[in-house]
């Protein structure tokens, strides 16, 4: 999913971003491009990272098994 977001304004170390449907998002200024300025349009690409999700679930399972002293053999 690709979303177009406009930099509305800066407030200290934060940027207030506006979506096309006028929703506001507060974002760290240092996580924007170096040349970021008010009214700049950004493209946010949102992806589902299933591999990372799978890895985190496996790690959680391993930790729980260790806590519960379950032998996974």
PDB file of N, CA and C in Angstrom:
ATOM      1  N   UNK A   1       0.849  -1.170   0.000  1.00  0.00           N
ATOM      2  CA  UNK A   1       0.000   0.000   0.000  1.00  0.00           C
ATOM      3  C   UNK A   1       0.897   1.236   0.000  1.00  0.00           C
ATOM      4  N   UNK A   2       0.621   2.155  -0.875  1.00  0.00           N
ATOM      5  CA  UNK A   2       1.382   3.394  -0.971  1.00  0.00           C
ATOM      6  C   UNK A   2       0.477   4.557  -0.564  1.00  0.00           C
ATOM      7  N   UNK A   3       0.961   5.394   0.350  1.00  0.00           N
ATOM      8  CA  UNK A   3       0.186   6.525   0.845  1.00  0.00           C
ATOM      9  C   UNK A   3       0.971   7.805   0.618  1.00  0.00           C
ATOM     10  N   UNK A   4       0.317   8.811   0.053  1.00  0.00           N
ATOM     11  CA  UNK A   4       0.934  10.125  -0.112  1.00  0.00           C
ATOM     12  C   UNK A   4       0.640  10.950   1.137  1.00  0.00           C
ATOM     13  N   UNK A   5       1.714  11.529   1.711  1.00  0.00           N
ATOM     14  CA  UNK A   5       1.607  12.316   2.930  1.00  0.00           C
ATOM     15  C   UNK A   5       2.334  13.629   2.709  1.00  0.00           C
ATOM     16  N   UNK A   6       1.746  14.720   3.203  1.00  0.00           N
ATOM     17  CA  UNK A   6       2.341  16.042   3.061  1.00  0.00           C
ATOM     18  C   UNK A   6       2.855  16.530   4.410  1.00  0.00           C
ATOM     19  N   UNK A   7       4.037  17.118   4.412  1.00  0.00           N
ATOM     20  CA  UNK A   7       4.553  17.715   5.647  1.00  0.00           C
ATOM     21  C   UNK A   7       3.773  19.004   5.870  1.00  0.00           C
ATOM     22  N   UNK A   8       2.984  19.027   6.931  1.00  0.00           N
ATOM     23  CA  UNK A   8       2.150  20.185   7.242  1.00  0.00           C
ATOM     24  C   UNK A   8       2.958  21.266   7.965  1.00  0.00           C
ATOM     25  N   UNK A   9       3.701  20.830   9.002  1.00  0.00           N
ATOM     26  CA  UNK A   9       4.489  21.792   9.775  1.00  0.00           C
ATOM     27  C   UNK A   9       5.478  21.043  10.657  1.00  0.00           C
ATOM     28  N   UNK A  10       6.408  21.813  11.212  1.00  0.00           N
ATOM     29  CA  UNK A  10       7.372  21.280  12.168  1.00  0.00           C
ATOM     30  C   UNK A  10       7.080  21.869  13.539  1.00  0.00           C
ATOM     31  N   UNK A  11       7.189  21.041  14.554  1.00  0.00           N
ATOM     32  CA  UNK A  11       7.023  21.459  15.945  1.00  0.00           C
ATOM     33  C   UNK A  11       8.210  20.913  16.724  1.00  0.00           C
ATOM     34  N   UNK A  12       9.245  21.720  16.852  1.00  0.00           N
ATOM     35  CA  UNK A  12      10.453  21.271  17.524  1.00  0.00           C
ATOM     36  C   UNK A  12      11.101  20.151  16.740  1.00  0.00           C
ATOM     37  N   UNK A  13      11.294  19.016  17.380  1.00  0.00           N
ATOM     38  CA  UNK A  13      11.935  17.860  16.744  1.00  0.00           C
ATOM     39  C   UNK A  13      10.927  16.922  16.081  1.00  0.00           C
ATOM     40  N   UNK A  14       9.674  17.343  16.015  1.00  0.00           N
ATOM     41  CA  UNK A  14       8.616  16.534  15.399  1.00  0.00           C
ATOM     42  C   UNK A  14       8.085  17.216  14.146  1.00  0.00           C
ATOM     43  N   UNK A  15       7.575  16.394  13.239  1.00  0.00           N
ATOM     44  CA  UNK A  15       6.901  16.904  12.047  1.00  0.00           C
ATOM     45  C   UNK A  15       5.458  16.440  12.110  1.00  0.00           C
ATOM     46  N   UNK A  16       4.556  17.318  11.722  1.00  0.00           N
ATOM     47  CA  UNK A  16       3.145  16.950  11.636  1.00  0.00           C
ATOM     48  C   UNK A  16       2.863  16.696  10.160  1.00  0.00           C
ATOM     49  N   UNK A  17       2.491  15.457   9.871  1.00  0.00           N
ATOM     50  CA  UNK A  17       2.220  15.031   8.505  1.00  0.00           C
ATOM     51  C   UNK A  17       0.720  14.898   8.321  1.00  0.00           C
ATOM     52  N   UNK A  18       0.235  15.208   7.127  1.00  0.00           N
ATOM     53  CA  UNK A  18      -1.193  15.097   6.826  1.00  0.00           C
ATOM     54  C   UNK A  18      -1.390  14.109   5.684  1.00  0.00           C
ATOM     55  N   UNK A  19      -2.334  13.207   5.879  1.00  0.00           N
ATOM     56  CA  UNK A  19      -2.674  12.255   4.834  1.00  0.00           C
ATOM     57  C   UNK A  19      -3.653  12.913   3.869  1.00  0.00           C
ATOM     58  N   UNK A  20      -3.946  12.232   2.775  1.00  0.00           N
ATOM     59  CA  UNK A  20      -4.884  12.774   1.784  1.00  0.00           C
ATOM     60  C   UNK A  20      -6.285  12.952   2.347  1.00  0.00           C
ATOM     61  N   UNK A  21      -6.640  12.170   3.380  1.00  0.00           N
ATOM     62  CA  UNK A  21      -7.963  12.323   4.011  1.00  0.00           C
ATOM     63  C   UNK A  21      -7.892  13.177   5.275  1.00  0.00           C
ATOM     64  N   UNK A  22      -6.835  13.993   5.374  1.00  0.00           N
ATOM     65  CA  UNK A  22      -6.653  15.006   6.415  1.00  0.00           C
ATOM     66  C   UNK A  22      -6.408  14.450   7.815  1.00  0.00           C
ATOM     67  N   UNK A  23      -5.927  13.225   7.906  1.00  0.00           N
ATOM     68  CA  UNK A  23      -5.524  12.673   9.193  1.00  0.00           C
ATOM     69  C   UNK A  23      -4.118  13.177   9.512  1.00  0.00           C
ATOM     70  N   UNK A  24      -3.831  13.412  10.786  1.00  0.00           N
ATOM     71  CA  UNK A  24      -2.510  13.888  11.197  1.00  0.00           C
ATOM     72  C   UNK A  24      -1.674  12.753  11.764  1.00  0.00           C
ATOM     73  N   UNK A  25      -0.392  12.793  11.459  1.00  0.00           N
ATOM     74  CA  UNK A  25       0.573  11.841  11.994  1.00  0.00           C
ATOM     75  C   UNK A  25       1.740  12.662  12.517  1.00  0.00           C
ATOM     76  N   UNK A  26       2.141  12.411  13.769  1.00  0.00           N
ATOM     77  CA  UNK A  26       3.321  13.072  14.319  1.00  0.00           C
ATOM     78  C   UNK A  26       4.494  12.129  14.095  1.00  0.00           C
ATOM     79  N   UNK A  27       5.561  12.647  13.485  1.00  0.00           N
ATOM     80  CA  UNK A  27       6.679  11.826  13.054  1.00  0.00           C
ATOM     81  C   UNK A  27       7.987  12.493  13.478  1.00  0.00           C
ATOM     82  N   UNK A  28       8.997  11.721  13.887  1.00  0.00           N
ATOM     83  CA  UNK A  28      10.283  12.336  14.244  1.00  0.00           C
ATOM     84  C   UNK A  28      10.901  13.047  13.038  1.00  0.00           C
ATOM     85  N   UNK A  29      11.316  14.267  13.251  1.00  0.00           N
ATOM     86  CA  UNK A  29      11.893  15.074  12.178  1.00  0.00           C
ATOM     87  C   UNK A  29      13.152  14.420  11.618  1.00  0.00           C
ATOM     88  N   UNK A  30      13.931  13.760  12.484  1.00  0.00           N
ATOM     89  CA  UNK A  30      15.177  13.145  12.027  1.00  0.00           C
ATOM     90  C   UNK A  30      14.959  11.859  11.226  1.00  0.00           C
ATOM     91  N   UNK A  31      13.708  11.419  11.100  1.00  0.00           N
ATOM     92  CA  UNK A  31      13.379  10.243  10.275  1.00  0.00           C
ATOM     93  C   UNK A  31      12.834  10.650   8.908  1.00  0.00           C
ATOM     94  N   UNK A  32      12.946  11.935   8.585  1.00  0.00           N
ATOM     95  CA  UNK A  32      12.530  12.450   7.282  1.00  0.00           C
ATOM     96  C   UNK A  32      13.767  12.713   6.436  1.00  0.00           C
ATOM     97  N   UNK A  33      13.607  12.876   5.126  1.00  0.00           N
ATOM     98  CA  UNK A  33      14.764  13.215   4.287  1.00  0.00           C
ATOM     99  C   UNK A  33      15.437  14.505   4.773  1.00  0.00           C
ATOM    100  N   UNK A  34      16.734  14.605   4.567  1.00  0.00           N
ATOM    101  CA  UNK A  34      17.516  15.755   5.042  1.00  0.00           C
ATOM    102  C   UNK A  34      16.985  17.080   4.506  1.00  0.00           C
ATOM    103  N   UNK A  35      16.449  17.080   3.307  1.00  0.00           N
ATOM    104  CA  UNK A  35      15.965  18.316   2.686  1.00  0.00           C
ATOM    105  C   UNK A  35      14.462  18.545   2.913  1.00  0.00           C
ATOM    106  N   UNK A  36      13.879  17.873   3.904  1.00  0.00           N
ATOM    107  CA  UNK A  36      12.443  17.966   4.149  1.00  0.00           C
ATOM    108  C   UNK A  36      12.035  19.404   4.482  1.00  0.00           C
ATOM    109  N   UNK A  37      10.874  19.797   3.939  1.00  0.00           N
ATOM    110  CA  UNK A  37      10.355  21.146   4.201  1.00  0.00           C
ATOM    111  C   UNK A  37       8.832  21.094   4.192  1.00  0.00           C
ATOM    112  N   UNK A  38       8.219  22.117   4.767  1.00  0.00           N
ATOM    113  CA  UNK A  38       6.755  22.192   4.787  1.00  0.00           C
ATOM    114  C   UNK A  38       6.216  22.149   3.364  1.00  0.00           C
ATOM    115  N   UNK A  39       5.149  21.462   3.185  1.00  0.00           N
ATOM    116  CA  UNK A  39       4.425  21.235   1.921  1.00  0.00           C
ATOM    117  C   UNK A  39       5.072  20.171   1.030  1.00  0.00           C
ATOM    118  N   UNK A  40       6.176  19.589   1.462  1.00  0.00           N
ATOM    119  CA  UNK A  40       6.800  18.497   0.699  1.00  0.00           C
ATOM    120  C   UNK A  40       5.883  17.274   0.752  1.00  0.00           C
ATOM    121  N   UNK A  41       5.692  16.626  -0.383  1.00  0.00           N
ATOM    122  CA  UNK A  41       4.874  15.419  -0.458  1.00  0.00           C
ATOM    123  C   UNK A  41       5.792  14.205  -0.378  1.00  0.00           C
ATOM    124  N   UNK A  42       5.432  13.292   0.510  1.00  0.00           N
ATOM    125  CA  UNK A  42       6.209  12.069   0.720  1.00  0.00           C
ATOM    126  C   UNK A  42       5.365  10.865   0.328  1.00  0.00           C
ATOM    127  N   UNK A  43       6.006   9.818  -0.119  1.00  0.00           N
ATOM    128  CA  UNK A  43       5.334   8.554  -0.394  1.00  0.00           C
ATOM    129  C   UNK A  43       5.728   7.557   0.686  1.00  0.00           C
ATOM    130  N   UNK A  44       4.748   7.070   1.421  1.00  0.00           N
ATOM    131  CA  UNK A  44       4.976   6.045   2.422  1.00  0.00           C
ATOM    132  C   UNK A  44       4.529   4.723   1.826  1.00  0.00           C
ATOM    133  N   UNK A  45       5.400   3.748   1.852  1.00  0.00           N
ATOM    134  CA  UNK A  45       5.090   2.427   1.334  1.00  0.00           C
ATOM    135  C   UNK A  45       4.962   1.489   2.525  1.00  0.00           C
ATOM    136  N   UNK A  46       3.794   0.922   2.723  1.00  0.00           N
ATOM    137  CA  UNK A  46       3.528   0.050   3.859  1.00  0.00           C
ATOM    138  C   UNK A  46       3.438  -1.380   3.358  1.00  0.00           C
ATOM    139  N   UNK A  47       4.297  -2.230   3.919  1.00  0.00           N
ATOM    140  CA  UNK A  47       4.352  -3.631   3.508  1.00  0.00           C
ATOM    141  C   UNK A  47       4.192  -4.537   4.713  1.00  0.00           C
ATOM    142  N   UNK A  48       3.671  -5.698   4.490  1.00  0.00           N
ATOM    143  CA  UNK A  48       3.567  -6.723   5.516  1.00  0.00           C
ATOM    144  C   UNK A  48       4.866  -7.534   5.505  1.00  0.00           C
ATOM    145  N   UNK A  49       5.569  -7.532   6.620  1.00  0.00           N
ATOM    146  CA  UNK A  49       6.844  -8.239   6.716  1.00  0.00           C
ATOM    147  C   UNK A  49       6.611  -9.587   7.408  1.00  0.00           C
ATOM    148  N   UNK A  50       6.115 -10.555   6.654  1.00  0.00           N
ATOM    149  CA  UNK A  50       5.754 -11.851   7.227  1.00  0.00           C
ATOM    150  C   UNK A  50       6.969 -12.613   7.751  1.00  0.00           C
ATOM    151  N   UNK A  51       8.117 -12.436   7.133  1.00  0.00           N
ATOM    152  CA  UNK A  51       9.320 -13.148   7.588  1.00  0.00           C
ATOM    153  C   UNK A  51       9.733 -12.681   8.986  1.00  0.00           C
ATOM    154  N   UNK A  52       9.736 -11.386   9.214  1.00  0.00           N
ATOM    155  CA  UNK A  52      10.080 -10.857  10.534  1.00  0.00           C
ATOM    156  C   UNK A  52       9.043 -11.284  11.558  1.00  0.00           C
ATOM    157  N   UNK A  53       7.773 -11.249  11.168  1.00  0.00           N
ATOM    158  CA  UNK A  53       6.704 -11.672  12.068  1.00  0.00           C
ATOM    159  C   UNK A  53       6.895 -13.132  12.470  1.00  0.00           C
ATOM    160  N   UNK A  54       7.228 -13.975  11.506  1.00  0.00           N
ATOM    161  CA  UNK A  54       7.460 -15.401  11.769  1.00  0.00           C
ATOM    162  C   UNK A  54       8.643 -15.584  12.712  1.00  0.00           C
ATOM    163  N   UNK A  55       9.725 -14.841  12.474  1.00  0.00           N
ATOM    164  CA  UNK A  55      10.909 -14.939  13.334  1.00  0.00           C
ATOM    165  C   UNK A  55      10.597 -14.519  14.771  1.00  0.00           C
ATOM    166  N   UNK A  56       9.817 -13.460  14.935  1.00  0.00           N
ATOM    167  CA  UNK A  56       9.465 -12.989  16.276  1.00  0.00           C
ATOM    168  C   UNK A  56       8.586 -14.002  17.007  1.00  0.00           C
ATOM    169  N   UNK A  57       7.663 -14.636  16.290  1.00  0.00           N
ATOM    170  CA  UNK A  57       6.813 -15.653  16.901  1.00  0.00           C
ATOM    171  C   UNK A  57       7.649 -16.846  17.350  1.00  0.00           C
ATOM    172  N   UNK A  58       8.599 -17.250  16.515  1.00  0.00           N
ATOM    173  CA  UNK A  58       9.467 -18.379  16.857  1.00  0.00           C
ATOM    174  C   UNK A  58      10.321 -18.053  18.079  1.00  0.00           C
ATOM    175  N   UNK A  59      10.858 -16.840  18.133  1.00  0.00           N
ATOM    176  CA  UNK A  59      11.661 -16.429  19.283  1.00  0.00           C
ATOM    177  C   UNK A  59      10.805 -16.426  20.544  1.00  0.00           C
ATOM    178  N   UNK A  60       9.588 -15.902  20.458  1.00  0.00           N
ATOM    179  CA  UNK A  60       8.694 -15.887  21.622  1.00  0.00           C
ATOM    180  C   UNK A  60       8.392 -17.307  22.093  1.00  0.00           C
ATOM    181  N   UNK A  61       8.185 -18.211  21.148  1.00  0.00           N
ATOM    182  CA  UNK A  61       7.907 -19.611  21.485  1.00  0.00           C
ATOM    183  C   UNK A  61       9.107 -20.226  22.204  1.00  0.00           C
ATOM    184  N   UNK A  62      10.309 -19.961  21.702  1.00  0.00           N
ATOM    185  CA  UNK A  62      11.526 -20.485  22.330  1.00  0.00           C
ATOM    186  C   UNK A  62      11.695 -19.952  23.740  1.00  0.00           C
ATOM    187  N   UNK A  63      11.431 -18.672  23.929  1.00  0.00           N
ATOM    188  CA  UNK A  63      11.554 -18.073  25.262  1.00  0.00           C
ATOM    189  C   UNK A  63      10.543 -18.676  26.219  1.00  0.00           C
ATOM    190  N   UNK A  64       9.291 -18.822  25.772  1.00  0.00           N
ATOM    191  CA  UNK A  64       8.265 -19.435  26.626  1.00  0.00           C
ATOM    192  C   UNK A  64       8.624 -20.877  26.974  1.00  0.00           C
ATOM    193  N   UNK A  65       9.101 -21.632  25.993  1.00  0.00           N
ATOM    194  CA  UNK A  65       9.489 -23.014  26.266  1.00  0.00           C
ATOM    195  C   UNK A  65      10.619 -23.065  27.296  1.00  0.00           C
ATOM    196  N   UNK A  66      11.555 -22.129  27.197  1.00  0.00           N
ATOM    197  CA  UNK A  66      12.657 -22.098  28.163  1.00  0.00           C
ATOM    198  C   UNK A  66      12.140 -21.738  29.545  1.00  0.00           C
ATOM    199  N   UNK A  67      11.250 -20.754  29.637  1.00  0.00           N
ATOM    200  CA  UNK A  67      10.673 -20.348  30.927  1.00  0.00           C
ATOM    201  C   UNK A  67       9.893 -21.503  31.547  1.00  0.00           C
ATOM    202  N   UNK A  68       9.125 -22.187  30.710  1.00  0.00           N
ATOM    203  CA  UNK A  68       8.296 -23.282  31.203  1.00  0.00           C
ATOM    204  C   UNK A  68       9.055 -24.601  31.290  1.00  0.00           C
ATOM    205  N   UNK A  69      10.331 -24.556  30.931  1.00  0.00           N
ATOM    206  CA  UNK A  69      11.208 -25.722  30.963  1.00  0.00           C
ATOM    207  C   UNK A  69      10.623 -26.876  30.130  1.00  0.00           C
ATOM    208  N   UNK A  70      10.166 -26.536  28.912  1.00  0.00           N
ATOM    209  CA  UNK A  70       9.617 -27.512  27.986  1.00  0.00           C
ATOM    210  C   UNK A  70      10.733 -27.946  27.054  1.00  0.00           C
ATOM    211  N   UNK A  71      10.911 -29.259  26.929  1.00  0.00           N
ATOM    212  CA  UNK A  71      11.917 -29.787  26.012  1.00  0.00           C
ATOM    213  C   UNK A  71      11.262 -29.972  24.651  1.00  0.00           C
ATOM    214  N   UNK A  72      11.742 -29.256  23.642  1.00  0.00           N
ATOM    215  CA  UNK A  72      11.123 -29.237  22.314  1.00  0.00           C
ATOM    216  C   UNK A  72      11.678 -30.312  21.408  1.00  0.00           C
ATOM    217  N   UNK A  73      11.982 -31.473  21.943  1.00  0.00           N
ATOM    218  CA  UNK A  73      12.585 -32.557  21.149  1.00  0.00           C
ATOM    219  C   UNK A  73      11.599 -33.616  20.809  1.00  0.00           C
TER     220      UNK A  73
END
